Protein backbone atom coordinates (compact mmCIF):
# COMPACT_ATOMS: atom_id res chain seq x y z
CA MET A 1 13.35 11.88 -11.94
CA ASP A 2 12.81 15.23 -9.94
CA SER A 3 10.19 16.71 -12.28
CA GLN A 4 7.96 13.53 -11.70
CA LEU A 5 8.40 13.76 -7.87
CA LEU A 6 7.33 17.32 -8.39
CA ALA A 7 4.14 16.59 -10.60
CA GLN A 8 3.05 13.67 -8.25
CA ALA A 9 3.14 16.14 -5.11
CA THR A 10 1.60 18.96 -7.09
CA GLN A 11 -1.40 16.80 -8.21
CA PRO A 12 -2.66 16.15 -4.92
CA LEU A 13 -2.02 19.71 -3.86
CA SER A 14 -3.54 21.50 -6.77
CA ALA A 15 -6.96 19.29 -5.83
CA LEU A 16 -7.30 21.03 -2.32
CA PRO A 17 -9.29 24.26 -2.10
CA ASP A 18 -7.39 27.69 -1.69
CA VAL A 19 -9.77 28.23 1.54
CA ASP A 20 -10.70 25.93 3.97
CA MET A 21 -14.24 27.12 4.45
CA ALA A 22 -15.10 24.84 7.10
CA LYS A 23 -12.23 26.42 9.44
CA VAL A 24 -13.87 29.90 8.15
CA GLU A 25 -17.17 29.29 9.58
CA GLN A 26 -15.34 27.99 12.88
CA ILE A 27 -13.70 31.07 12.99
CA LYS A 28 -16.81 33.34 12.22
CA ALA A 29 -18.94 31.41 14.93
CA ALA A 30 -16.23 31.79 17.56
CA LEU A 31 -16.14 35.85 16.63
CA ASN A 32 -19.89 35.74 16.80
CA ARG A 33 -20.06 33.86 20.32
CA GLY A 34 -17.08 36.64 21.48
CA GLU A 35 -14.70 33.89 22.06
CA ILE A 36 -12.06 35.53 20.09
CA SER A 37 -11.50 39.21 19.33
CA LEU A 38 -10.90 40.88 16.02
CA ASP A 39 -8.03 43.77 16.29
CA VAL A 40 -9.31 45.56 13.18
CA ASP A 41 -6.24 47.80 13.09
CA ALA A 42 -3.78 44.60 13.37
CA LEU A 43 -5.87 43.08 10.51
CA SER A 44 -5.74 45.98 8.15
CA SER A 45 -1.87 46.90 8.75
CA ALA A 46 -1.17 42.93 7.94
CA ILE A 47 -3.18 43.10 4.76
CA LEU A 48 -1.48 45.98 3.62
CA GLN A 49 2.31 44.69 4.73
CA PHE A 50 0.98 41.19 2.88
CA HIS A 51 -0.06 43.13 -0.44
CA THR A 52 2.27 45.93 -0.43
CA GLY A 53 5.30 45.08 1.32
CA HIS A 54 4.87 48.08 3.92
CA GLU A 55 2.36 49.74 5.95
């Protein structure tokens, strides 16, 4: 029973794209308009932390 529920929940999720391109475009546009700023140091630290487990 649990495996059936898991399979039912997994199917719709697997059909979704990995990246929400509409959201990406909204963020890119906001960056271009200067509405939000990009802290390159914070971003690079977050990427390193995510991929390596340390800064």
